[in-house]
């Protein structure tokens, strides 16, 4: 079970990083690095945060916050969907029960 490994070079805030990843994930890694670079540039260009480490931490916190909000929205949508499905199931069961009563 040998996976092909790709060696990828990404540039984030004018600093180059060499990363190894499964070959099939190379495009995702490049897209992620480009996205992160954009977020870190926004923070740096805002002028309130200085230093690569601090910019990286703020970007990571912002992205984690966004991810958690999206997860929470997704779970609330899932519970809404679950409630709707329960109501629909009850309606179908009720209609089927009424249909059985008419047969007798």
C-alpha atoms as a PDB file:
ATOM      1  CA  UNK A   1       0.000   0.000   0.000  1.00  0.00           C
ATOM      2  CA  UNK A   2       2.460   2.664  -1.089  1.00  0.00           C
ATOM      3  CA  UNK A   3       0.975   6.087  -1.640  1.00  0.00           C
ATOM      4  CA  UNK A   4       2.650   8.413  -4.077  1.00  0.00           C
ATOM      5  CA  UNK A   5       3.991  11.429  -2.220  1.00  0.00           C
ATOM      6  CA  UNK A   6       4.155  14.876  -3.803  1.00  0.00           C
ATOM      7  CA  UNK A   7       6.644  17.485  -2.680  1.00  0.00           C
ATOM      8  CA  UNK A   8       4.935  20.847  -2.795  1.00  0.00           C
ATOM      9  CA  UNK A   9       6.403  24.300  -2.434  1.00  0.00           C
ATOM     10  CA  UNK A  10       4.059  27.022  -1.172  1.00  0.00           C
ATOM     11  CA  UNK A  11       4.697  30.691  -0.513  1.00  0.00           C
ATOM     12  CA  UNK A  12       2.980  32.382   2.423  1.00  0.00           C
ATOM     13  CA  UNK A  13       3.781  36.013   3.212  1.00  0.00           C
ATOM     14  CA  UNK A  14       6.909  35.939   1.040  1.00  0.00           C
ATOM     15  CA  UNK A  15       8.264  32.895   2.871  1.00  0.00           C
ATOM     16  CA  UNK A  16       8.586  29.561   1.107  1.00  0.00           C
ATOM     17  CA  UNK A  17       7.575  26.268   2.723  1.00  0.00           C
ATOM     18  CA  UNK A  18       8.246  22.782   1.368  1.00  0.00           C
ATOM     19  CA  UNK A  19       5.564  20.279   2.259  1.00  0.00           C
ATOM     20  CA  UNK A  20       5.077  16.597   1.473  1.00  0.00           C
ATOM     21  CA  UNK A  21       1.549  15.323   0.968  1.00  0.00           C
ATOM     22  CA  UNK A  22      -0.266  12.503  -0.824  1.00  0.00           C
ATOM     23  CA  UNK A  23      -0.176  13.235  -4.567  1.00  0.00           C
ATOM     24  CA  UNK A  24      -3.966  13.258  -4.825  1.00  0.00           C
ATOM     25  CA  UNK A  25      -4.125  16.059  -2.212  1.00  0.00           C
ATOM     26  CA  UNK A  26      -1.644  18.380  -3.936  1.00  0.00           C
ATOM     27  CA  UNK A  27      -4.292  20.621  -5.529  1.00  0.00           C
ATOM     28  CA  UNK A  28      -6.154  20.932  -2.210  1.00  0.00           C
ATOM     29  CA  UNK A  29      -2.920  21.844  -0.418  1.00  0.00           C
ATOM     30  CA  UNK A  30      -2.092  24.532  -2.980  1.00  0.00           C
ATOM     31  CA  UNK A  31      -5.608  25.966  -2.727  1.00  0.00           C
ATOM     32  CA  UNK A  32      -5.438  25.938   1.085  1.00  0.00           C
ATOM     33  CA  UNK A  33      -2.053  27.669   1.077  1.00  0.00           C
ATOM     34  CA  UNK A  34      -3.340  30.345  -1.305  1.00  0.00           C
ATOM     35  CA  UNK A  35      -6.399  30.894   0.890  1.00  0.00           C
ATOM     36  CA  UNK A  36      -4.272  31.107   4.055  1.00  0.00           C
ATOM     37  CA  UNK A  37      -1.857  33.494   2.362  1.00  0.00           C
ATOM     38  CA  UNK A  38      -4.781  35.767   1.486  1.00  0.00           C
ATOM     39  CA  UNK A  39      -6.105  35.734   5.044  1.00  0.00           C
ATOM     40  CA  UNK A  40      -2.668  36.450   6.493  1.00  0.00           C
ATOM     41  CA  UNK A  41      -2.120  39.303   4.020  1.00  0.00           C
ATOM     42  CA  UNK A  42      -5.443  40.852   5.096  1.00  0.00           C
ATOM     43  CA  UNK A  43      -4.320  40.755   8.728  1.00  0.00           C
ATOM     44  CA  UNK A  44      -0.844  42.092   7.965  1.00  0.00           C
ATOM     45  CA  UNK A  45      -2.166  44.858   5.712  1.00  0.00           C
ATOM     46  CA  UNK A  46      -4.638  45.864   8.438  1.00  0.00           C
ATOM     47  CA  UNK A  47      -1.587  47.081  10.324  1.00  0.00           C
ATOM     48  CA  UNK A  48      -2.755  46.123  13.805  1.00  0.00           C
ATOM     49  CA  UNK A  49      -0.780  42.885  14.092  1.00  0.00           C
ATOM     50  CA  UNK A  50       2.989  42.731  13.638  1.00  0.00           C
ATOM     51  CA  UNK A  51       5.163  39.649  13.295  1.00  0.00           C
ATOM     52  CA  UNK A  52       4.698  36.489  11.256  1.00  0.00           C
ATOM     53  CA  UNK A  53       3.956  34.316  14.295  1.00  0.00           C
ATOM     54  CA  UNK A  54       1.255  36.645  15.578  1.00  0.00           C
ATOM     55  CA  UNK A  55      -0.294  37.009  12.128  1.00  0.00           C
ATOM     56  CA  UNK A  56      -0.352  33.214  11.759  1.00  0.00           C
ATOM     57  CA  UNK A  57      -2.006  32.746  15.163  1.00  0.00           C
ATOM     58  CA  UNK A  58      -4.661  35.411  14.455  1.00  0.00           C
ATOM     59  CA  UNK A  59      -5.355  33.850  11.036  1.00  0.00           C
ATOM     60  CA  UNK A  60      -5.634  30.397  12.620  1.00  0.00           C
ATOM     61  CA  UNK A  61      -8.023  31.685  15.290  1.00  0.00           C
ATOM     62  CA  UNK A  62     -10.166  33.451  12.688  1.00  0.00           C
ATOM     63  CA  UNK A  63     -10.321  30.333  10.511  1.00  0.00           C
ATOM     64  CA  UNK A  64     -11.100  28.086  13.495  1.00  0.00           C
ATOM     65  CA  UNK A  65     -13.875  30.451  14.566  1.00  0.00           C
ATOM     66  CA  UNK A  66     -15.326  30.422  11.048  1.00  0.00           C
ATOM     67  CA  UNK A  67     -15.141  26.628  10.898  1.00  0.00           C
ATOM     68  CA  UNK A  68     -16.897  26.227  14.254  1.00  0.00           C
ATOM     69  CA  UNK A  69     -19.645  28.672  13.247  1.00  0.00           C
ATOM     70  CA  UNK A  70     -20.216  26.735  10.019  1.00  0.00           C
ATOM     71  CA  UNK A  71     -20.306  23.441  11.919  1.00  0.00           C
ATOM     72  CA  UNK A  72     -22.834  24.852  14.373  1.00  0.00           C
ATOM     73  CA  UNK A  73     -24.983  26.180  11.546  1.00  0.00           C
ATOM     74  CA  UNK A  74     -24.787  22.778   9.878  1.00  0.00           C
ATOM     75  CA  UNK A  75     -25.868  20.957  13.034  1.00  0.00           C
ATOM     76  CA  UNK A  76     -28.777  23.354  13.563  1.00  0.00           C
ATOM     77  CA  UNK A  77     -29.817  22.783   9.939  1.00  0.00           C
ATOM     78  CA  UNK A  78     -29.539  19.040  10.529  1.00  0.00           C
ATOM     79  CA  UNK A  79     -31.754  19.242  13.615  1.00  0.00           C
ATOM     80  CA  UNK A  80     -34.272  21.381  11.684  1.00  0.00           C
ATOM     81  CA  UNK A  81     -34.200  18.809   8.907  1.00  0.00           C
ATOM     82  CA  UNK A  82     -34.589  15.990  11.435  1.00  0.00           C
ATOM     83  CA  UNK A  83     -37.649  17.715  12.912  1.00  0.00           C
ATOM     84  CA  UNK A  84     -39.186  18.228   9.489  1.00  0.00           C
ATOM     85  CA  UNK A  85     -38.584  14.592   8.571  1.00  0.00           C
ATOM     86  CA  UNK A  86     -40.206  13.469  11.824  1.00  0.00           C
ATOM     87  CA  UNK A  87     -43.299  15.589  11.095  1.00  0.00           C
ATOM     88  CA  UNK A  88     -43.504  14.254   7.543  1.00  0.00           C
ATOM     89  CA  UNK A  89     -43.130  10.672   8.765  1.00  0.00           C
ATOM     90  CA  UNK A  90     -45.933  11.219  11.289  1.00  0.00           C
ATOM     91  CA  UNK A  91     -48.173  12.653   8.559  1.00  0.00           C
ATOM     92  CA  UNK A  92     -47.469   9.711   6.267  1.00  0.00           C
ATOM     93  CA  UNK A  93     -48.100   7.237   9.078  1.00  0.00           C
ATOM     94  CA  UNK A  94     -51.325   9.042   9.974  1.00  0.00           C
ATOM     95  CA  UNK A  95     -52.491   9.010   6.348  1.00  0.00           C
ATOM     96  CA  UNK A  96     -51.653   5.313   6.050  1.00  0.00           C
ATOM     97  CA  UNK A  97     -53.524   4.558   9.278  1.00  0.00           C
ATOM     98  CA  UNK A  98     -56.595   6.459   8.015  1.00  0.00           C
ATOM     99  CA  UNK A  99     -56.386   4.504   4.762  1.00  0.00           C
ATOM    100  CA  UNK A 100     -56.353   1.213   6.701  1.00  0.00           C
ATOM    101  CA  UNK A 101     -59.367   2.307   8.726  1.00  0.00           C
ATOM    102  CA  UNK A 102     -61.312   3.002   5.528  1.00  0.00           C
ATOM    103  CA  UNK A 103     -60.594  -0.520   4.253  1.00  0.00           C
ATOM    104  CA  UNK A 104     -62.355  -2.151   7.212  1.00  0.00           C
END
